[in-house]
Amino acid sequence: AGWFSRLAARNGHNVISLDCDEAALARLEHHAAMDSLSIMPLSCEFSRMRQLYPLVGHQHLGRFEADVVLALAIIHHLVFKARMPFAEIVDTLARLTRSTLIVEYMDEADESTRTFRREGDAPWYCVENLRTELEKHFQSIEIRPSTVGMERFLFVCREKRHQPARHIEVVQQQPEE
């Protein structure tokens, strides 16, 4: 939460900023109030969003749906700290996205990634696997450099694929006799 939220709001967008860092959200709320920016800071741990609605197919995530979703400098946190697979991360982000999703990927060589990653951790963490998951949800994907001199890339994803609704079966356990 912070700089990119304020940038989007300064450019006329209504912003919902999700973060689990209460101090960062408090700073954002302060700056938004000082500058009269349309920003709603919400405390939410992304890795637990899907668990909030386990029996209803996650359709209630639509309350947070936005035209543009920015997932910047978060993927490596979700993979190495929250232990989320790309499939779950991308599916959740796609459910939040109406039009455009921008995801920042930090390569294995990036200092931030090396800080969080332990030996043998998520051997599937690579740009190709992230792209494969994004292609399941978006028809148009551009990859652009993110930060000069760093191993970071932006995936700009557009044209959501229309997938059939996923059926979630609730199985009740039979009492033991």
Protein backbone atom coordinates (compact mmCIF):
# COMPACT_ATOMS: atom_id res chain seq x y z
CA ALA A 1 0.00 0.00 0.00
CA GLY A 2 1.40 3.36 -0.81
CA TRP A 3 3.03 5.02 -3.76
CA PHE A 4 1.20 3.20 -6.57
CA SER A 5 -2.16 3.60 -4.81
CA ARG A 6 -1.59 7.35 -4.53
CA LEU A 7 -0.44 7.55 -8.17
CA ALA A 8 -3.60 5.80 -9.39
CA ALA A 9 -5.83 8.04 -7.22
CA ARG A 10 -4.04 11.20 -8.40
CA ASN A 11 -4.89 10.11 -11.94
CA GLY A 12 -8.59 10.03 -11.13
CA HIS A 13 -9.09 6.38 -10.17
CA ASN A 14 -10.99 5.10 -7.15
CA VAL A 15 -8.55 2.85 -5.31
CA ILE A 16 -8.98 -0.08 -2.96
CA SER A 17 -5.60 -0.83 -1.42
CA LEU A 18 -5.20 -4.20 0.31
CA ASP A 19 -2.28 -4.85 2.63
CA CYS A 20 -1.62 -6.75 5.84
CA ASP A 21 0.81 -4.10 7.09
CA GLU A 22 -1.27 -1.92 9.43
CA ALA A 23 1.41 0.78 9.67
CA ALA A 24 1.62 1.08 5.87
CA LEU A 25 -2.16 1.33 5.66
CA ALA A 26 -2.23 4.02 8.35
CA ARG A 27 0.36 6.06 6.42
CA LEU A 28 -1.61 5.60 3.21
CA GLU A 29 -4.85 6.67 4.89
CA HIS A 30 -3.10 9.76 6.28
CA HIS A 31 -1.68 10.75 2.86
CA ALA A 32 -5.01 10.07 1.15
CA ALA A 33 -6.84 12.32 3.64
CA MET A 34 -4.22 15.09 3.34
CA ASP A 35 -4.41 15.05 -0.48
CA SER A 36 -8.17 14.34 -0.74
CA LEU A 37 -7.52 11.12 -2.67
CA SER A 38 -10.15 8.46 -3.29
CA ILE A 39 -8.37 5.55 -1.58
CA MET A 40 -9.92 2.90 0.64
CA PRO A 41 -7.13 1.15 2.59
CA LEU A 42 -8.19 -2.31 3.76
CA SER A 43 -6.32 -4.65 6.04
CA CYS A 44 -6.39 -8.08 4.43
CA GLU A 45 -3.96 -10.95 4.20
CA PHE A 46 -4.10 -11.93 0.52
CA SER A 47 -3.14 -15.53 1.20
CA ARG A 48 -6.31 -15.93 3.32
CA MET A 49 -8.81 -14.16 1.05
CA ARG A 50 -10.06 -17.38 -0.54
CA GLN A 51 -10.47 -19.03 2.86
CA LEU A 52 -13.03 -16.42 3.86
CA TYR A 53 -15.65 -17.97 1.56
CA PRO A 54 -14.74 -21.67 1.25
CA LEU A 55 -18.22 -23.01 0.52
CA VAL A 56 -19.57 -20.54 -2.02
CA GLY A 57 -17.08 -20.81 -4.86
CA HIS A 58 -15.26 -17.58 -4.02
CA GLN A 59 -17.82 -15.45 -5.88
CA HIS A 60 -17.90 -13.06 -2.93
CA LEU A 61 -14.38 -11.98 -3.86
CA GLY A 62 -16.22 -9.91 -6.47
CA ARG A 63 -16.79 -7.28 -3.77
CA PHE A 64 -13.12 -6.38 -4.31
CA GLU A 65 -13.25 -6.63 -8.10
CA ALA A 66 -11.56 -3.75 -9.93
CA ASP A 67 -10.94 -2.64 -13.50
CA VAL A 68 -7.18 -2.66 -12.92
CA VAL A 69 -5.39 -4.79 -10.34
CA LEU A 70 -1.77 -4.13 -9.45
CA ALA A 71 0.15 -6.96 -7.80
CA LEU A 72 3.56 -5.35 -7.41
CA ALA A 73 6.40 -6.81 -5.31
CA ILE A 74 4.08 -9.37 -3.73
CA ILE A 75 4.38 -12.64 -5.70
CA HIS A 76 7.63 -13.75 -4.05
CA HIS A 77 6.12 -13.02 -0.60
CA LEU A 78 3.09 -15.17 -1.39
CA VAL A 79 5.20 -18.03 -2.74
CA PHE A 80 7.99 -18.14 -0.17
CA LYS A 81 6.27 -16.81 2.97
CA ALA A 82 2.62 -17.81 2.56
CA ARG A 83 3.49 -20.99 0.61
CA MET A 84 0.93 -20.28 -2.12
CA PRO A 85 1.30 -21.92 -5.54
CA PHE A 86 1.15 -19.76 -8.68
CA ALA A 87 -2.19 -21.38 -9.62
CA GLU A 88 -3.91 -20.13 -6.45
CA ILE A 89 -2.29 -16.69 -6.60
CA VAL A 90 -3.22 -16.13 -10.25
CA ASP A 91 -6.73 -17.53 -9.87
CA THR A 92 -7.42 -15.16 -6.97
CA LEU A 93 -5.95 -12.16 -8.82
CA ALA A 94 -7.97 -13.03 -11.95
CA ARG A 95 -11.18 -13.15 -9.88
CA LEU A 96 -10.40 -9.63 -8.63
CA THR A 97 -9.69 -8.30 -12.15
CA ARG A 98 -12.33 -6.97 -14.55
CA SER A 99 -10.01 -5.72 -17.28
CA THR A 100 -6.26 -5.49 -16.65
CA LEU A 101 -3.94 -7.28 -14.24
CA ILE A 102 -0.37 -6.08 -13.79
CA VAL A 103 1.88 -8.50 -11.94
CA GLU A 104 5.48 -7.83 -11.00
CA TYR A 105 7.67 -10.93 -11.02
CA MET A 106 11.04 -10.94 -9.29
CA ASP A 107 13.45 -13.39 -10.84
CA GLU A 108 15.41 -15.93 -8.82
CA ALA A 109 18.47 -13.68 -9.11
CA ASP A 110 16.70 -10.72 -7.46
CA GLU A 111 17.96 -9.92 -3.96
CA SER A 112 14.44 -9.85 -2.50
CA THR A 113 13.69 -13.32 -3.84
CA ARG A 114 17.00 -14.71 -2.57
CA THR A 115 16.26 -13.26 0.88
CA PHE A 116 13.00 -15.23 1.23
CA ARG A 117 13.87 -18.40 -0.64
CA ARG A 118 15.38 -21.36 1.18
CA GLU A 119 17.25 -24.16 -0.54
CA GLY A 120 14.80 -26.47 -2.28
CA ASP A 121 11.93 -24.00 -1.79
CA ALA A 122 9.37 -23.91 -4.62
CA PRO A 123 11.50 -25.39 -7.42
CA TRP A 124 8.68 -24.42 -9.80
CA TYR A 125 9.24 -20.67 -9.16
CA CYS A 126 10.19 -19.39 -12.62
CA VAL A 127 8.88 -16.88 -15.13
CA GLU A 128 7.67 -19.60 -17.53
CA ASN A 129 5.44 -21.24 -14.90
CA LEU A 130 3.94 -17.91 -13.87
CA ARG A 131 3.20 -17.09 -17.50
CA THR A 132 1.55 -20.50 -17.98
CA GLU A 133 -0.82 -19.80 -15.08
CA LEU A 134 -1.58 -16.28 -16.34
CA GLU A 135 -2.37 -17.66 -19.82
CA LYS A 136 -5.12 -19.81 -18.29
CA HIS A 137 -6.99 -16.62 -17.36
CA PHE A 138 -5.90 -13.96 -19.88
CA GLN A 139 -5.62 -13.99 -23.68
CA SER A 140 -3.20 -11.08 -24.03
CA ILE A 141 0.00 -10.98 -21.98
CA GLU A 142 2.88 -8.57 -22.46
CA ILE A 143 6.12 -8.87 -20.52
CA ARG A 144 8.01 -5.66 -19.85
CA PRO A 145 11.05 -4.83 -17.73
CA SER A 146 10.06 -3.39 -14.36
CA THR A 147 13.06 -1.89 -12.60
CA VAL A 148 16.24 -0.93 -14.45
CA GLY A 149 19.24 -2.95 -13.30
CA MET A 150 17.13 -5.53 -11.46
CA GLU A 151 15.76 -8.90 -12.46
CA ARG A 152 12.11 -7.82 -12.31
CA PHE A 153 9.43 -8.07 -14.96
CA LEU A 154 5.89 -6.76 -15.35
CA PHE A 155 3.23 -9.01 -16.83
CA VAL A 156 0.48 -6.84 -18.30
CA CYS A 157 -2.53 -9.13 -18.70
CA ARG A 158 -5.67 -8.22 -20.62
CA GLU A 159 -8.68 -9.87 -22.22
CA LYS A 160 -9.87 -12.26 -19.55
CA ARG A 161 -10.82 -15.70 -20.71
CA HIS A 162 -14.41 -16.64 -19.95
CA GLN A 163 -14.21 -19.93 -18.13
CA PRO A 164 -17.16 -21.98 -16.99
CA ALA A 165 -17.95 -21.56 -13.32
CA ARG A 166 -16.07 -24.01 -11.17
CA HIS A 167 -18.20 -26.43 -9.23
CA ILE A 168 -17.23 -26.94 -5.64
CA GLU A 169 -18.60 -30.08 -4.10
CA VAL A 170 -19.18 -30.13 -0.39
CA VAL A 171 -18.82 -33.64 0.96
CA GLN A 172 -20.30 -34.37 4.36
CA GLN A 173 -18.68 -37.06 6.40
CA GLN A 174 -20.92 -39.89 7.51
CA PRO A 175 -20.97 -40.47 11.26
CA GLU A 176 -19.12 -43.57 12.31
CA GLU A 177 -21.27 -46.34 13.71
